[in-house]
Amino acid sequence: MLGVVTKIIPFSSVDGPGNRTAIFLQGCNINCKYCHNPETRNHCVNCGLCVQVCPQKALSLENGKVSFDASACISCDTCIKTCPHGSTPKTRLMTAEEVMEIVRKQVPFIRGITVSGGECMLQPDFVAELFKLAKKENLGTLIDSNGTIDFREYPDLLSVSDGVMLDIKAFFPEDHMNVTGADNNKVLENAKFLGENNKLSEVRAVIVPDLYDVVKNVKAMGEFLVPLYKINPFRIKIIAFRPMGVREEYADMQVPTRQLLEELRGILADMGFEDIVII
């Protein structure tokens, strides 16, 4: 069982409660205009364009495949900026045990692990195997997902998951389609299923005023989530769009003001939500 791993962040305080190791898997099934890690969307096609431009010669072509020498890399991201396929040559094929070898180095100092992406639910069997190993180390396990993959089809994975951090990119289908290129029927179905089964740990909404009516969307999202919150409370994160890391054609979109973010927090607070975080 191999997973395509984009990167591993040893210590993260923003990928779930407490200090955690965050594992990012390569590949995504939607195309968010504001994606802050657009190089995680697709898998490398070994075209070799990045090899030609790497200033440190950290990349090479071996038997028709791009090979990456991490020891030579200076993280200049020239390869990522050059790639026309929304990918990166710096991914690694790893077993769950190999990932856990890295995680174990942080075990005394972390509360758990979070697997993200890309969209990690495109590699569900790998995530399940990794979580089983993490549970043996008494580590918490969280999934960070865009919600487009049906969680009802993966009971074994959910059994070793403490919960899901679910993105609701936009509440109304037409707005979600504009943001991601996909509708959100499955996202809302997943939110309901996870909430009713005590597996909804966090709901996140990235606020991009240029793409949709954010007040209307957040209010409707809150009304939808209230019954689920009463079953088992969860955190809501209101995340401000930021231009760093996004594709050039979307980098000039409006950054929401603090006043707007506080207004959205107030709307949710008036509905009874208590754990609301602005980022």
C-alpha atoms as a PDB file:
ATOM      1  CA  MET A   1       0.000   0.000   0.000  1.00  0.00           C
ATOM      2  CA  LEU A   2       1.635   3.205  -1.232  1.00  0.00           C
ATOM      3  CA  GLY A   3       0.467   6.768  -0.841  1.00  0.00           C
ATOM      4  CA  VAL A   4       1.520   9.743  -2.942  1.00  0.00           C
ATOM      5  CA  VAL A   5       2.725  12.168  -0.286  1.00  0.00           C
ATOM      6  CA  THR A   6       3.222  15.850  -1.119  1.00  0.00           C
ATOM      7  CA  LYS A   7       4.756  16.940   2.160  1.00  0.00           C
ATOM      8  CA  ILE A   8       4.773  16.288   5.887  1.00  0.00           C
ATOM      9  CA  ILE A   9       4.717  19.177   8.363  1.00  0.00           C
ATOM     10  CA  PRO A  10       6.103  17.878  11.683  1.00  0.00           C
ATOM     11  CA  PHE A  11       4.362  20.464  13.873  1.00  0.00           C
ATOM     12  CA  SER A  12       1.133  22.270  13.009  1.00  0.00           C
ATOM     13  CA  SER A  13      -1.259  24.185  15.240  1.00  0.00           C
ATOM     14  CA  VAL A  14      -3.814  24.942  12.510  1.00  0.00           C
ATOM     15  CA  ASP A  15      -4.676  21.429  11.302  1.00  0.00           C
ATOM     16  CA  GLY A  16      -6.859  20.332  14.186  1.00  0.00           C
ATOM     17  CA  PRO A  17      -6.776  20.645  17.976  1.00  0.00           C
ATOM     18  CA  GLY A  18      -3.416  20.830  19.699  1.00  0.00           C
ATOM     19  CA  ASN A  19      -0.035  20.334  18.128  1.00  0.00           C
ATOM     20  CA  ARG A  20      -0.192  17.830  15.263  1.00  0.00           C
ATOM     21  CA  THR A  21       1.806  16.349  12.427  1.00  0.00           C
ATOM     22  CA  ALA A  22       0.076  17.152   9.132  1.00  0.00           C
ATOM     23  CA  ILE A  23       0.435  14.825   6.164  1.00  0.00           C
ATOM     24  CA  PHE A  24      -0.521  16.191   2.755  1.00  0.00           C
ATOM     25  CA  LEU A  25      -1.408  13.782  -0.058  1.00  0.00           C
ATOM     26  CA  GLN A  26      -1.159  14.636  -3.750  1.00  0.00           C
ATOM     27  CA  GLY A  27      -4.137  14.934  -6.086  1.00  0.00           C
ATOM     28  CA  CYS A  28      -7.497  16.701  -5.968  1.00  0.00           C
ATOM     29  CA  ASN A  29     -10.829  16.177  -7.718  1.00  0.00           C
ATOM     30  CA  ILE A  30     -11.994  19.801  -7.757  1.00  0.00           C
ATOM     31  CA  ASN A  31     -10.354  23.020  -8.953  1.00  0.00           C
ATOM     32  CA  CYS A  32     -10.844  25.878  -6.492  1.00  0.00           C
ATOM     33  CA  LYS A  33     -10.082  29.256  -8.009  1.00  0.00           C
ATOM     34  CA  TYR A  34      -8.533  30.404  -4.745  1.00  0.00           C
ATOM     35  CA  CYS A  35      -6.521  27.210  -4.146  1.00  0.00           C
ATOM     36  CA  HIS A  36      -3.555  28.182  -1.982  1.00  0.00           C
ATOM     37  CA  ASN A  37      -1.624  25.033  -2.946  1.00  0.00           C
ATOM     38  CA  PRO A  38      -2.413  24.657  -6.667  1.00  0.00           C
ATOM     39  CA  GLU A  39       0.585  22.366  -7.160  1.00  0.00           C
ATOM     40  CA  THR A  40      -1.233  19.656  -5.157  1.00  0.00           C
ATOM     41  CA  ARG A  41      -4.090  19.292  -7.652  1.00  0.00           C
ATOM     42  CA  ASN A  42      -2.626  16.843 -10.152  1.00  0.00           C
ATOM     43  CA  HIS A  43      -0.072  14.065 -10.367  1.00  0.00           C
ATOM     44  CA  CYS A  44       3.219  14.574 -12.186  1.00  0.00           C
ATOM     45  CA  VAL A  45       3.115  13.501 -15.842  1.00  0.00           C
ATOM     46  CA  ASN A  46       6.945  13.343 -16.103  1.00  0.00           C
ATOM     47  CA  CYS A  47       7.135  15.877 -18.916  1.00  0.00           C
ATOM     48  CA  GLY A  48      10.578  16.965 -17.706  1.00  0.00           C
ATOM     49  CA  LEU A  49      10.067  20.727 -18.012  1.00  0.00           C
ATOM     50  CA  CYS A  50      10.931  21.220 -14.348  1.00  0.00           C
ATOM     51  CA  VAL A  51      14.188  19.295 -14.765  1.00  0.00           C
ATOM     52  CA  GLN A  52      15.417  21.833 -17.312  1.00  0.00           C
ATOM     53  CA  VAL A  53      14.890  24.852 -15.049  1.00  0.00           C
ATOM     54  CA  CYS A  54      15.954  23.580 -11.607  1.00  0.00           C
ATOM     55  CA  PRO A  55      18.876  25.860 -10.579  1.00  0.00           C
ATOM     56  CA  GLN A  56      20.258  23.312  -8.091  1.00  0.00           C
ATOM     57  CA  LYS A  57      20.031  20.252 -10.359  1.00  0.00           C
ATOM     58  CA  ALA A  58      17.845  18.627  -7.711  1.00  0.00           C
ATOM     59  CA  LEU A  59      15.708  17.114 -10.478  1.00  0.00           C
ATOM     60  CA  SER A  60      16.666  14.598 -13.136  1.00  0.00           C
ATOM     61  CA  LEU A  61      15.009  12.291 -15.615  1.00  0.00           C
ATOM     62  CA  GLU A  62      15.595   8.602 -14.932  1.00  0.00           C
ATOM     63  CA  ASN A  63      13.964   6.000 -17.171  1.00  0.00           C
ATOM     64  CA  GLY A  64      11.392   8.517 -18.302  1.00  0.00           C
ATOM     65  CA  LYS A  65      10.423   9.611 -14.795  1.00  0.00           C
ATOM     66  CA  VAL A  66      11.327  12.740 -12.855  1.00  0.00           C
ATOM     67  CA  SER A  67      13.579  11.993  -9.887  1.00  0.00           C
ATOM     68  CA  PHE A  68      13.869  14.390  -6.950  1.00  0.00           C
ATOM     69  CA  ASP A  69      16.954  14.807  -4.751  1.00  0.00           C
ATOM     70  CA  ALA A  70      15.663  16.466  -1.568  1.00  0.00           C
ATOM     71  CA  SER A  71      19.200  17.037  -0.253  1.00  0.00           C
ATOM     72  CA  ALA A  72      19.965  19.388  -3.152  1.00  0.00           C
ATOM     73  CA  CYS A  73      16.665  21.292  -3.082  1.00  0.00           C
ATOM     74  CA  ILE A  74      16.627  24.868  -1.734  1.00  0.00           C
ATOM     75  CA  SER A  75      12.790  25.194  -1.954  1.00  0.00           C
ATOM     76  CA  CYS A  76      12.920  27.979  -4.531  1.00  0.00           C
ATOM     77  CA  ASP A  77       9.761  26.516  -6.134  1.00  0.00           C
ATOM     78  CA  THR A  78      11.036  27.163  -9.653  1.00  0.00           C
ATOM     79  CA  CYS A  79       9.798  23.690 -10.589  1.00  0.00           C
ATOM     80  CA  ILE A  80       6.299  24.380  -9.257  1.00  0.00           C
ATOM     81  CA  LYS A  81       6.120  27.756 -11.006  1.00  0.00           C
ATOM     82  CA  THR A  82       7.218  26.111 -14.262  1.00  0.00           C
ATOM     83  CA  CYS A  83       4.868  23.117 -14.175  1.00  0.00           C
ATOM     84  CA  PRO A  84       1.943  23.596 -16.600  1.00  0.00           C
ATOM     85  CA  HIS A  85       0.024  20.655 -15.131  1.00  0.00           C
ATOM     86  CA  GLY A  86      -0.818  21.881 -11.608  1.00  0.00           C
ATOM     87  CA  SER A  87       1.620  19.462 -10.018  1.00  0.00           C
ATOM     88  CA  THR A  88       4.977  19.164  -8.296  1.00  0.00           C
ATOM     89  CA  PRO A  89       7.923  16.824  -8.897  1.00  0.00           C
ATOM     90  CA  LYS A  90       8.662  16.712  -5.162  1.00  0.00           C
ATOM     91  CA  THR A  91       6.088  14.095  -4.148  1.00  0.00           C
ATOM     92  CA  ARG A  92       7.125  10.762  -2.626  1.00  0.00           C
ATOM     93  CA  LEU A  93       5.650   7.297  -2.858  1.00  0.00           C
ATOM     94  CA  MET A  94       5.549   6.117   0.746  1.00  0.00           C
ATOM     95  CA  THR A  95       4.106   3.272   2.749  1.00  0.00           C
ATOM     96  CA  ALA A  96       2.021   4.062   5.813  1.00  0.00           C
ATOM     97  CA  GLU A  97       4.830   2.681   7.973  1.00  0.00           C
ATOM     98  CA  GLU A  98       7.361   5.020   6.326  1.00  0.00           C
ATOM     99  CA  VAL A  99       5.109   7.970   7.136  1.00  0.00           C
ATOM    100  CA  MET A 100       4.754   6.749  10.711  1.00  0.00           C
ATOM    101  CA  GLU A 101       8.533   6.560  11.053  1.00  0.00           C
ATOM    102  CA  ILE A 102       8.561  10.321  10.506  1.00  0.00           C
ATOM    103  CA  VAL A 103       5.564  10.888  12.777  1.00  0.00           C
ATOM    104  CA  ARG A 104       7.126   8.930  15.648  1.00  0.00           C
ATOM    105  CA  LYS A 105       9.939  11.465  15.895  1.00  0.00           C
ATOM    106  CA  GLN A 106       7.358  13.983  17.124  1.00  0.00           C
ATOM    107  CA  VAL A 107       5.251  11.626  19.278  1.00  0.00           C
ATOM    108  CA  PRO A 108       6.185  13.110  22.682  1.00  0.00           C
ATOM    109  CA  PHE A 109       5.202  16.556  21.448  1.00  0.00           C
ATOM    110  CA  ILE A 110       2.066  16.013  19.322  1.00  0.00           C
ATOM    111  CA  ARG A 111      -1.552  15.217  20.067  1.00  0.00           C
ATOM    112  CA  GLY A 112      -2.287  13.505  16.796  1.00  0.00           C
ATOM    113  CA  ILE A 113      -2.038  13.512  13.017  1.00  0.00           C
ATOM    114  CA  THR A 114      -4.143  15.145  10.350  1.00  0.00           C
ATOM    115  CA  VAL A 115      -4.201  13.955   6.746  1.00  0.00           C
ATOM    116  CA  SER A 116      -4.972  16.593   4.149  1.00  0.00           C
ATOM    117  CA  GLY A 117      -4.273  17.301   0.487  1.00  0.00           C
ATOM    118  CA  GLY A 118      -5.019  17.850  -2.299  1.00  0.00           C
ATOM    119  CA  GLU A 119      -7.942  15.651  -1.379  1.00  0.00           C
ATOM    120  CA  CYS A 120      -6.830  12.822   0.873  1.00  0.00           C
ATOM    121  CA  MET A 121     -10.070  10.868   0.379  1.00  0.00           C
ATOM    122  CA  LEU A 122      -8.829   9.989  -3.103  1.00  0.00           C
ATOM    123  CA  GLN A 123      -6.424   7.654  -1.264  1.00  0.00           C
ATOM    124  CA  PRO A 124      -8.773   6.254   1.429  1.00  0.00           C
ATOM    125  CA  ASP A 125      -7.149   2.841   1.875  1.00  0.00           C
ATOM    126  CA  PHE A 126      -3.762   4.447   2.501  1.00  0.00           C
ATOM    127  CA  VAL A 127      -5.280   6.857   5.027  1.00  0.00           C
ATOM    128  CA  ALA A 128      -7.020   3.982   6.820  1.00  0.00           C
ATOM    129  CA  GLU A 129      -3.779   2.019   7.085  1.00  0.00           C
ATOM    130  CA  LEU A 130      -1.935   5.080   8.377  1.00  0.00           C
ATOM    131  CA  PHE A 131      -4.630   5.773  10.969  1.00  0.00           C
ATOM    132  CA  LYS A 132      -4.509   2.204  12.253  1.00  0.00           C
ATOM    133  CA  LEU A 133      -0.786   2.628  12.878  1.00  0.00           C
ATOM    134  CA  ALA A 134      -1.367   6.010  14.530  1.00  0.00           C
ATOM    135  CA  LYS A 135      -3.960   4.541  16.894  1.00  0.00           C
ATOM    136  CA  LYS A 136      -1.373   2.005  18.069  1.00  0.00           C
ATOM    137  CA  GLU A 137       0.714   5.026  19.112  1.00  0.00           C
ATOM    138  CA  ASN A 138      -2.320   6.519  20.935  1.00  0.00           C
ATOM    139  CA  LEU A 139      -2.436   9.418  18.485  1.00  0.00           C
ATOM    140  CA  GLY A 140      -5.544  11.266  17.429  1.00  0.00           C
ATOM    141  CA  THR A 141      -6.560  11.015  13.772  1.00  0.00           C
ATOM    142  CA  LEU A 142      -8.333  13.641  11.685  1.00  0.00           C
ATOM    143  CA  ILE A 143      -9.283  13.854   8.011  1.00  0.00           C
ATOM    144  CA  ASP A 144      -9.190  17.219   6.223  1.00  0.00           C
ATOM    145  CA  SER A 145     -11.536  16.926   3.233  1.00  0.00           C
ATOM    146  CA  ASN A 146     -13.402  18.924   0.605  1.00  0.00           C
ATOM    147  CA  GLY A 147     -16.354  16.610   1.204  1.00  0.00           C
ATOM    148  CA  THR A 148     -16.935  15.456  -2.370  1.00  0.00           C
ATOM    149  CA  ILE A 149     -16.204  11.769  -1.658  1.00  0.00           C
ATOM    150  CA  ASP A 150     -19.038   9.794  -0.013  1.00  0.00           C
ATOM    151  CA  PHE A 151     -17.911   8.983   3.542  1.00  0.00           C
ATOM    152  CA  ARG A 152     -20.695   6.423   3.911  1.00  0.00           C
ATOM    153  CA  GLU A 153     -18.694   4.136   1.641  1.00  0.00           C
ATOM    154  CA  TYR A 154     -15.733   4.034   4.045  1.00  0.00           C
ATOM    155  CA  PRO A 155     -16.927   2.753   7.447  1.00  0.00           C
ATOM    156  CA  ASP A 156     -13.579   1.093   8.171  1.00  0.00           C
ATOM    157  CA  LEU A 157     -11.754   4.386   7.697  1.00  0.00           C
ATOM    158  CA  LEU A 158     -14.240   6.293   9.848  1.00  0.00           C
ATOM    159  CA  SER A 159     -13.883   3.699  12.590  1.00  0.00           C
ATOM    160  CA  VAL A 160     -10.227   4.714  13.050  1.00  0.00           C
ATOM    161  CA  SER A 161     -10.858   8.439  12.482  1.00  0.00           C
ATOM    162  CA  ASP A 162     -11.631  10.803  15.322  1.00  0.00           C
ATOM    163  CA  GLY A 163     -13.432  13.059  12.900  1.00  0.00           C
ATOM    164  CA  VAL A 164     -13.484  15.068   9.709  1.00  0.00           C
ATOM    165  CA  MET A 165     -12.558  18.689   9.129  1.00  0.00           C
ATOM    166  CA  LEU A 166     -14.964  19.506   6.303  1.00  0.00           C
ATOM    167  CA  ASP A 167     -14.739  22.345   3.798  1.00  0.00           C
ATOM    168  CA  ILE A 168     -17.950  23.990   2.695  1.00  0.00           C
ATOM    169  CA  LYS A 169     -16.528  26.129  -0.085  1.00  0.00           C
ATOM    170  CA  ALA A 170     -19.914  27.783  -0.674  1.00  0.00           C
ATOM    171  CA  PHE A 171     -23.382  26.778   0.445  1.00  0.00           C
ATOM    172  CA  PHE A 172     -25.416  27.396  -2.690  1.00  0.00           C
ATOM    173  CA  PRO A 173     -24.754  24.939  -5.560  1.00  0.00           C
ATOM    174  CA  GLU A 174     -24.287  27.619  -8.212  1.00  0.00           C
ATOM    175  CA  ASP A 175     -21.744  29.430  -6.038  1.00  0.00           C
ATOM    176  CA  HIS A 176     -19.913  26.200  -5.229  1.00  0.00           C
ATOM    177  CA  MET A 177     -19.793  25.429  -8.951  1.00  0.00           C
ATOM    178  CA  ASN A 178     -18.325  28.861  -9.650  1.00  0.00           C
ATOM    179  CA  VAL A 179     -15.653  28.427  -6.968  1.00  0.00           C
ATOM    180  CA  THR A 180     -14.683  24.793  -7.563  1.00  0.00           C
ATOM    181  CA  GLY A 181     -16.086  23.605 -10.882  1.00  0.00           C
ATOM    182  CA  ALA A 182     -18.282  21.059  -9.053  1.00  0.00           C
ATOM    183  CA  ASP A 183     -21.622  21.100  -7.247  1.00  0.00           C
ATOM    184  CA  ASN A 184     -21.865  20.573  -3.493  1.00  0.00           C
ATOM    185  CA  ASN A 185     -24.672  18.031  -3.140  1.00  0.00           C
ATOM    186  CA  LYS A 186     -22.286  15.393  -1.812  1.00  0.00           C
ATOM    187  CA  VAL A 187     -20.582  17.923   0.477  1.00  0.00           C
ATOM    188  CA  LEU A 188     -23.845  18.736   2.253  1.00  0.00           C
ATOM    189  CA  GLU A 189     -24.856  15.070   2.373  1.00  0.00           C
ATOM    190  CA  ASN A 190     -21.516  14.302   4.002  1.00  0.00           C
ATOM    191  CA  ALA A 191     -21.931  17.127   6.510  1.00  0.00           C
ATOM    192  CA  LYS A 192     -25.291  15.706   7.555  1.00  0.00           C
ATOM    193  CA  PHE A 193     -24.027  12.118   7.739  1.00  0.00           C
ATOM    194  CA  LEU A 194     -20.891  13.028   9.679  1.00  0.00           C
ATOM    195  CA  GLY A 195     -22.765  15.337  12.026  1.00  0.00           C
ATOM    196  CA  GLU A 196     -25.414  12.732  12.823  1.00  0.00           C
ATOM    197  CA  ASN A 197     -22.680  10.174  13.546  1.00  0.00           C
ATOM    198  CA  ASN A 198     -20.490  12.395  15.753  1.00  0.00           C
ATOM    199  CA  LYS A 199     -17.704  12.526  13.158  1.00  0.00           C
ATOM    200  CA  LEU A 200     -17.923  16.197  12.197  1.00  0.00           C
ATOM    201  CA  SER A 201     -15.029  17.907  13.988  1.00  0.00           C
ATOM    202  CA  GLU A 202     -14.800  21.184  12.116  1.00  0.00           C
ATOM    203  CA  VAL A 203     -16.437  23.072   9.258  1.00  0.00           C
ATOM    204  CA  ARG A 204     -14.364  25.579   7.313  1.00  0.00           C
ATOM    205  CA  ALA A 205     -15.413  28.307   4.906  1.00  0.00           C
ATOM    206  CA  VAL A 206     -12.913  30.366   2.912  1.00  0.00           C
ATOM    207  CA  ILE A 207     -14.291  33.862   2.454  1.00  0.00           C
ATOM    208  CA  VAL A 208     -13.804  35.329  -1.038  1.00  0.00           C
ATOM    209  CA  PRO A 209     -16.128  38.324  -1.579  1.00  0.00           C
ATOM    210  CA  ASP A 210     -15.382  38.489  -5.312  1.00  0.00           C
ATOM    211  CA  LEU A 211     -16.768  35.004  -5.961  1.00  0.00           C
ATOM    212  CA  TYR A 212     -20.136  34.974  -4.173  1.00  0.00           C
ATOM    213  CA  ASP A 213     -22.380  36.720  -1.645  1.00  0.00           C
ATOM    214  CA  VAL A 214     -20.522  35.653   1.473  1.00  0.00           C
ATOM    215  CA  VAL A 215     -23.093  36.933   3.976  1.00  0.00           C
ATOM    216  CA  LYS A 216     -25.910  35.076   2.249  1.00  0.00           C
ATOM    217  CA  ASN A 217     -23.837  31.890   1.993  1.00  0.00           C
ATOM    218  CA  VAL A 218     -22.586  31.881   5.590  1.00  0.00           C
ATOM    219  CA  LYS A 219     -26.058  32.561   6.948  1.00  0.00           C
ATOM    220  CA  ALA A 220     -27.524  29.678   4.924  1.00  0.00           C
ATOM    221  CA  MET A 221     -24.624  27.422   5.936  1.00  0.00           C
ATOM    222  CA  GLY A 222     -25.222  28.224   9.590  1.00  0.00           C
ATOM    223  CA  GLU A 223     -28.934  27.485   9.357  1.00  0.00           C
ATOM    224  CA  PHE A 224     -28.124  24.139   7.741  1.00  0.00           C
ATOM    225  CA  LEU A 225     -25.566  23.251  10.424  1.00  0.00           C
ATOM    226  CA  VAL A 226     -27.552  24.238  13.525  1.00  0.00           C
ATOM    227  CA  PRO A 227     -29.379  20.878  13.889  1.00  0.00           C
ATOM    228  CA  LEU A 228     -26.061  19.023  13.531  1.00  0.00           C
ATOM    229  CA  TYR A 229     -24.379  21.291  16.073  1.00  0.00           C
ATOM    230  CA  LYS A 230     -27.063  20.403  18.611  1.00  0.00           C
ATOM    231  CA  ILE A 231     -26.208  16.699  18.213  1.00  0.00           C
ATOM    232  CA  ASN A 232     -22.508  17.213  18.816  1.00  0.00           C
ATOM    233  CA  PRO A 233     -20.828  20.682  18.879  1.00  0.00           C
ATOM    234  CA  PHE A 234     -18.007  21.348  16.418  1.00  0.00           C
ATOM    235  CA  ARG A 235     -15.726  24.218  15.501  1.00  0.00           C
ATOM    236  CA  ILE A 236     -16.397  26.594  12.621  1.00  0.00           C
ATOM    237  CA  LYS A 237     -13.448  28.307  10.954  1.00  0.00           C
ATOM    238  CA  ILE A 238     -13.932  31.473   8.931  1.00  0.00           C
ATOM    239  CA  ILE A 239     -10.836  31.704   6.753  1.00  0.00           C
ATOM    240  CA  ALA A 240      -9.953  34.883   4.904  1.00  0.00           C
ATOM    241  CA  PHE A 241      -8.829  34.529   1.303  1.00  0.00           C
ATOM    242  CA  ARG A 242      -5.211  35.567   0.906  1.00  0.00           C
ATOM    243  CA  PRO A 243      -3.357  36.006  -2.406  1.00  0.00           C
ATOM    244  CA  MET A 244      -0.146  34.235  -1.332  1.00  0.00           C
ATOM    245  CA  GLY A 245       0.398  31.008  -3.239  1.00  0.00           C
ATOM    246  CA  VAL A 246      -2.652  31.244  -5.511  1.00  0.00           C
ATOM    247  CA  ARG A 247      -2.433  31.155  -9.292  1.00  0.00           C
ATOM    248  CA  GLU A 248      -1.578  34.488 -10.885  1.00  0.00           C
ATOM    249  CA  GLU A 249      -4.953  34.921 -12.580  1.00  0.00           C
ATOM    250  CA  TYR A 250      -6.721  34.837  -9.197  1.00  0.00           C
ATOM    251  CA  ALA A 251      -4.166  36.686  -7.068  1.00  0.00           C
ATOM    252  CA  ASP A 252      -5.934  40.058  -7.364  1.00  0.00           C
ATOM    253  CA  MET A 253      -9.230  38.908  -5.841  1.00  0.00           C
ATOM    254  CA  GLN A 254     -10.464  40.946  -2.889  1.00  0.00           C
ATOM    255  CA  VAL A 255      -9.177  40.098   0.582  1.00  0.00           C
ATOM    256  CA  PRO A 256     -12.075  40.294   3.080  1.00  0.00           C
ATOM    257  CA  THR A 257     -11.884  42.989   5.732  1.00  0.00           C
ATOM    258  CA  ARG A 258     -11.732  42.193   9.419  1.00  0.00           C
ATOM    259  CA  GLN A 259     -15.070  43.972   9.755  1.00  0.00           C
ATOM    260  CA  LEU A 260     -16.684  41.533   7.314  1.00  0.00           C
ATOM    261  CA  LEU A 261     -15.157  38.526   9.061  1.00  0.00           C
ATOM    262  CA  GLU A 262     -16.445  39.746  12.414  1.00  0.00           C
ATOM    263  CA  GLU A 263     -19.885  40.275  10.868  1.00  0.00           C
ATOM    264  CA  LEU A 264     -19.892  36.654   9.706  1.00  0.00           C
ATOM    265  CA  ARG A 265     -18.804  35.504  13.155  1.00  0.00           C
ATOM    266  CA  GLY A 266     -21.678  37.484  14.662  1.00  0.00           C
ATOM    267  CA  ILE A 267     -24.206  35.851  12.331  1.00  0.00           C
ATOM    268  CA  LEU A 268     -23.059  32.393  13.408  1.00  0.00           C
ATOM    269  CA  ALA A 269     -22.830  33.337  17.091  1.00  0.00           C
ATOM    270  CA  ASP A 270     -26.429  34.578  17.020  1.00  0.00           C
ATOM    271  CA  MET A 271     -27.444  31.103  15.813  1.00  0.00           C
ATOM    272  CA  GLY A 272     -25.866  29.508  18.878  1.00  0.00           C
ATOM    273  CA  PHE A 273     -22.437  28.490  17.578  1.00  0.00           C
ATOM    274  CA  GLU A 274     -19.776  29.068  20.221  1.00  0.00           C
ATOM    275  CA  ASP A 275     -16.447  27.820  18.871  1.00  0.00           C
ATOM    276  CA  ILE A 276     -15.899  30.163  15.928  1.00  0.00           C
ATOM    277  CA  VAL A 277     -12.355  30.902  14.791  1.00  0.00           C
ATOM    278  CA  ILE A 278     -11.308  33.619  12.354  1.00  0.00           C
ATOM    279  CA  ILE A 279      -8.125  33.010  10.382  1.00  0.00           C
END
